[in-house]
Amino acid sequence: MTVTVTRLLAAAAWLAATATLALPAIRSDARFNSVSTNKANSVEADSPANYLRLFSQSTDPAGLTGYAVKENSSPSVPAATGSNLALAVALGAWKNEKGTNLTRVFTLQALNPLPAGRSPLTVTASLAADPASGRQPLSQITFSDTNGANAAATATLTGGVKKQLNLRVVTQGFPGNNVMVRPTLTLTVRYPGYTGSFLNYTVPVAVWDGNGAGP
């Protein structure tokens, strides 16, 4: 009896193995790495500095001058300092300002040459209000040629092309009680085949709502 049961169990195991081998292989399309919308580009290894550079007057490789200055600073100093991921802007004092346009706050330039298949770049700007007060003193961001011509809300850049960023400051209705308002300006870089938002520079901006030039 035991021998018969053993043979039956062995036969059943053989049939099960044969059926398993006959089944088609199950394919898994699971992906365990995070990539941008362009599957050839791994966002973790990428940076906006691989495509676009930001300059203040002191870091401009071409020695360009005429950058916007920090309001009420004495002696007068450019509002923007640093470059690329370290660029920051201190616009100075704008108490109860009805609206002033500032040109060439900083400049942006596409690398030359750009990586293969990455031209032209499209650069857009977005604003976030001061997180503490909710106030937003910045508006009307435009990109233009460095002579002020061809101003537009979006910059299209081929290798080596340089643009300047312009903006408008409005603080009318703010308390004017000597506080620093800290909005941020984000530049997002895109190129053919990539439309995500991972490649961006977030530029801190300081506006003094009060007297003097502020810190």
Protein backbone atom coordinates (compact mmCIF):
# COMPACT_ATOMS: atom_id res chain seq x y z
CA MET A 1 0.00 0.00 0.00
CA THR A 2 2.78 2.41 0.95
CA VAL A 3 4.61 1.72 -2.30
CA THR A 4 1.47 2.50 -4.33
CA VAL A 5 0.92 5.84 -2.53
CA THR A 6 4.56 6.82 -3.02
CA ARG A 7 4.32 6.10 -6.77
CA LEU A 8 1.10 8.11 -7.06
CA LEU A 9 2.68 11.12 -5.27
CA ALA A 10 5.74 10.96 -7.51
CA ALA A 11 3.56 10.85 -10.62
CA ALA A 12 1.57 13.88 -9.41
CA ALA A 13 4.75 15.87 -8.75
CA TRP A 14 6.05 15.02 -12.23
CA LEU A 15 2.79 16.19 -13.85
CA ALA A 16 2.85 19.47 -11.89
CA ALA A 17 6.42 20.20 -12.92
CA THR A 18 5.61 19.46 -16.55
CA ALA A 19 2.59 21.81 -16.49
CA THR A 20 4.69 24.59 -14.93
CA LEU A 21 7.35 24.30 -17.59
CA ALA A 22 4.70 24.48 -20.29
CA LEU A 23 3.32 27.80 -19.04
CA PRO A 24 4.54 30.99 -20.83
CA ALA A 25 7.07 33.06 -18.89
CA ILE A 26 5.47 35.96 -16.97
CA ARG A 27 7.19 39.26 -17.79
CA SER A 28 7.48 42.04 -15.22
CA ASP A 29 7.69 45.64 -16.42
CA ALA A 30 8.27 47.00 -12.93
CA ARG A 31 10.86 49.74 -12.79
CA PHE A 32 12.70 50.39 -9.56
CA ASN A 33 14.67 53.48 -10.57
CA SER A 34 13.22 56.99 -10.70
CA VAL A 35 13.71 58.72 -14.02
CA SER A 36 12.48 61.89 -15.68
CA THR A 37 9.92 61.88 -18.49
CA ASN A 38 12.86 61.41 -20.83
CA LYS A 39 13.75 57.76 -20.10
CA ALA A 40 17.33 58.31 -21.23
CA ASN A 41 17.90 60.86 -18.51
CA SER A 42 18.21 59.88 -14.85
CA VAL A 43 17.14 62.92 -12.86
CA GLU A 44 19.21 62.03 -9.82
CA ALA A 45 22.41 62.47 -11.84
CA ASP A 46 21.30 65.68 -13.54
CA SER A 47 21.49 69.36 -12.59
CA PRO A 48 20.33 72.64 -14.17
CA ALA A 49 24.01 73.65 -14.18
CA ASN A 50 24.56 71.06 -16.93
CA TYR A 51 22.47 73.25 -19.24
CA LEU A 52 22.18 76.80 -17.91
CA ARG A 53 24.34 79.22 -15.93
CA LEU A 54 23.18 82.21 -13.85
CA PHE A 55 25.39 85.26 -13.32
CA SER A 56 25.50 88.40 -11.20
CA GLN A 57 27.61 91.40 -12.18
CA SER A 58 30.57 90.22 -10.09
CA THR A 59 30.53 86.73 -11.62
CA ASP A 60 29.68 87.62 -15.23
CA PRO A 61 32.41 85.98 -17.35
CA ALA A 62 31.98 88.62 -20.06
CA GLY A 63 32.42 91.50 -17.62
CA LEU A 64 28.95 92.86 -18.40
CA THR A 65 27.90 95.78 -16.17
CA GLY A 66 24.65 97.67 -15.70
CA TYR A 67 23.00 95.12 -13.43
CA ALA A 68 20.15 96.29 -11.18
CA VAL A 69 21.37 97.79 -7.90
CA LYS A 70 20.26 97.34 -4.31
CA GLU A 71 17.92 100.26 -3.63
CA ASN A 72 19.27 102.85 -1.17
CA SER A 73 22.60 101.05 -0.80
CA SER A 74 25.54 103.40 -0.17
CA PRO A 75 27.88 102.94 -1.86
CA SER A 76 25.68 101.49 -4.57
CA VAL A 77 26.08 97.73 -5.04
CA PRO A 78 24.47 95.26 -7.46
CA ALA A 79 21.38 93.52 -6.12
CA ALA A 80 22.42 90.05 -7.25
CA THR A 81 25.44 88.20 -5.91
CA GLY A 82 26.94 84.78 -6.62
CA SER A 83 26.19 82.48 -9.52
CA ASN A 84 24.28 79.34 -10.46
CA LEU A 85 22.90 77.50 -7.40
CA ALA A 86 24.48 80.14 -5.11
CA LEU A 87 22.87 83.15 -6.80
CA ALA A 88 20.87 85.38 -4.43
CA VAL A 89 19.18 88.77 -4.85
CA ALA A 90 18.83 91.58 -2.26
CA LEU A 91 16.72 94.35 -3.82
CA GLY A 92 17.01 96.82 -0.94
CA ALA A 93 14.30 99.13 0.43
CA TRP A 94 10.99 99.52 -1.39
CA LYS A 95 8.62 101.07 1.14
CA ASN A 96 5.06 101.59 -0.16
CA GLU A 97 6.31 101.25 -3.75
CA LYS A 98 3.57 101.66 -6.39
CA GLY A 99 5.60 99.80 -8.99
CA THR A 100 9.12 100.00 -10.43
CA ASN A 101 10.60 97.91 -13.22
CA LEU A 102 14.10 96.57 -12.61
CA THR A 103 16.13 95.48 -15.60
CA ARG A 104 18.99 93.00 -15.64
CA VAL A 105 18.55 91.73 -12.12
CA PHE A 106 20.73 88.81 -13.22
CA THR A 107 21.62 87.06 -16.46
CA LEU A 108 21.27 83.50 -17.72
CA GLN A 109 23.26 81.78 -20.42
CA ALA A 110 22.98 78.37 -22.08
CA LEU A 111 26.10 76.23 -22.06
CA ASN A 112 27.98 76.08 -25.33
CA PRO A 113 27.83 73.47 -26.62
CA LEU A 114 24.71 72.03 -25.04
CA PRO A 115 24.55 68.24 -24.61
CA ALA A 116 23.48 66.42 -27.77
CA GLY A 117 19.74 66.57 -28.35
CA ARG A 118 19.20 69.22 -25.65
CA SER A 119 18.82 72.32 -27.83
CA PRO A 120 17.01 74.64 -27.64
CA LEU A 121 16.40 75.12 -23.94
CA THR A 122 13.12 76.60 -22.76
CA VAL A 123 13.32 78.55 -19.50
CA THR A 124 10.25 79.69 -17.57
CA ALA A 125 9.90 81.61 -14.30
CA SER A 126 7.54 81.18 -11.36
CA LEU A 127 7.16 83.11 -8.09
CA ALA A 128 6.44 82.06 -4.52
CA ALA A 129 5.40 84.60 -1.84
CA ASP A 130 7.21 85.22 1.43
CA PRO A 131 6.34 82.15 3.55
CA ALA A 132 6.11 84.10 6.81
CA SER A 133 3.80 86.94 5.73
CA GLY A 134 2.28 85.66 2.50
CA ARG A 135 3.29 88.92 0.78
CA GLN A 136 4.55 88.96 -2.79
CA PRO A 137 6.43 92.10 -3.88
CA LEU A 138 7.55 90.68 -7.25
CA SER A 139 5.64 90.51 -10.52
CA GLN A 140 5.97 90.70 -14.31
CA ILE A 141 9.05 88.51 -14.76
CA THR A 142 10.41 88.80 -18.29
CA PHE A 143 13.49 87.64 -20.18
CA SER A 144 15.10 89.91 -22.77
CA ASP A 145 18.26 90.31 -24.77
CA THR A 146 21.00 92.10 -22.84
CA ASN A 147 20.14 95.29 -24.74
CA GLY A 148 16.57 95.08 -23.42
CA ALA A 149 15.02 94.01 -26.73
CA ASN A 150 12.69 91.06 -27.38
CA ALA A 151 11.25 90.83 -23.87
CA ALA A 152 9.10 87.73 -23.32
CA ALA A 153 7.70 85.60 -20.52
CA THR A 154 9.76 82.59 -21.69
CA ALA A 155 13.38 82.36 -22.80
CA THR A 156 14.38 80.07 -25.68
CA LEU A 157 18.13 79.49 -25.69
CA THR A 158 20.51 77.73 -28.03
CA GLY A 159 24.13 77.11 -27.05
CA GLY A 160 25.87 80.23 -25.74
CA VAL A 161 22.83 82.54 -25.97
CA LYS A 162 22.55 84.97 -23.07
CA LYS A 163 19.47 86.72 -21.69
CA GLN A 164 18.74 89.02 -18.78
CA LEU A 165 15.93 88.70 -16.26
CA ASN A 166 13.76 91.73 -15.52
CA LEU A 167 11.05 92.13 -12.88
CA ARG A 168 8.67 94.61 -11.26
CA VAL A 169 8.61 95.51 -7.55
CA VAL A 170 5.33 96.53 -5.89
CA THR A 171 4.99 96.96 -2.12
CA GLN A 172 2.11 99.43 -1.93
CA GLY A 173 -0.18 98.42 0.92
CA PHE A 174 2.54 96.58 2.83
CA PRO A 175 2.91 97.70 6.48
CA GLY A 176 6.26 99.42 5.90
CA ASN A 177 7.42 98.46 9.36
CA ASN A 178 11.05 97.56 8.63
CA VAL A 179 10.71 93.86 7.96
CA MET A 180 12.37 91.71 5.34
CA VAL A 181 10.06 90.10 2.80
CA ARG A 182 11.58 86.96 1.26
CA PRO A 183 9.87 85.69 -1.88
CA THR A 184 11.53 83.16 -4.17
CA LEU A 185 11.93 83.07 -7.92
CA THR A 186 12.26 79.68 -9.62
CA LEU A 187 13.65 79.15 -13.12
CA THR A 188 12.71 75.83 -14.70
CA VAL A 189 14.77 74.41 -17.56
CA ARG A 190 13.28 72.14 -20.21
CA TYR A 191 14.56 70.77 -23.51
CA PRO A 192 13.16 68.69 -26.42
CA GLY A 193 11.76 65.45 -25.02
CA TYR A 194 11.87 66.59 -21.38
CA THR A 195 8.98 68.57 -19.90
CA GLY A 196 9.37 67.91 -16.17
CA SER A 197 10.26 70.36 -13.43
CA PHE A 198 13.25 68.67 -11.78
CA LEU A 199 15.82 70.91 -13.50
CA ASN A 200 15.39 74.26 -11.76
CA TYR A 201 17.16 77.06 -9.97
CA THR A 202 15.38 78.52 -6.93
CA VAL A 203 16.71 82.03 -6.37
CA PRO A 204 16.09 83.64 -2.95
CA VAL A 205 15.07 87.29 -3.13
CA ALA A 206 15.04 89.81 -0.25
CA VAL A 207 12.96 93.03 -0.30
CA TRP A 208 13.22 95.45 2.63
CA ASP A 209 9.81 96.85 3.58
CA GLY A 210 10.96 99.96 5.43
CA ASN A 211 13.55 102.72 5.60
CA GLY A 212 17.20 102.70 4.62
CA ALA A 213 18.63 99.91 2.49
CA GLY A 214 17.89 97.11 4.91
CA PRO A 215 20.28 94.34 5.92
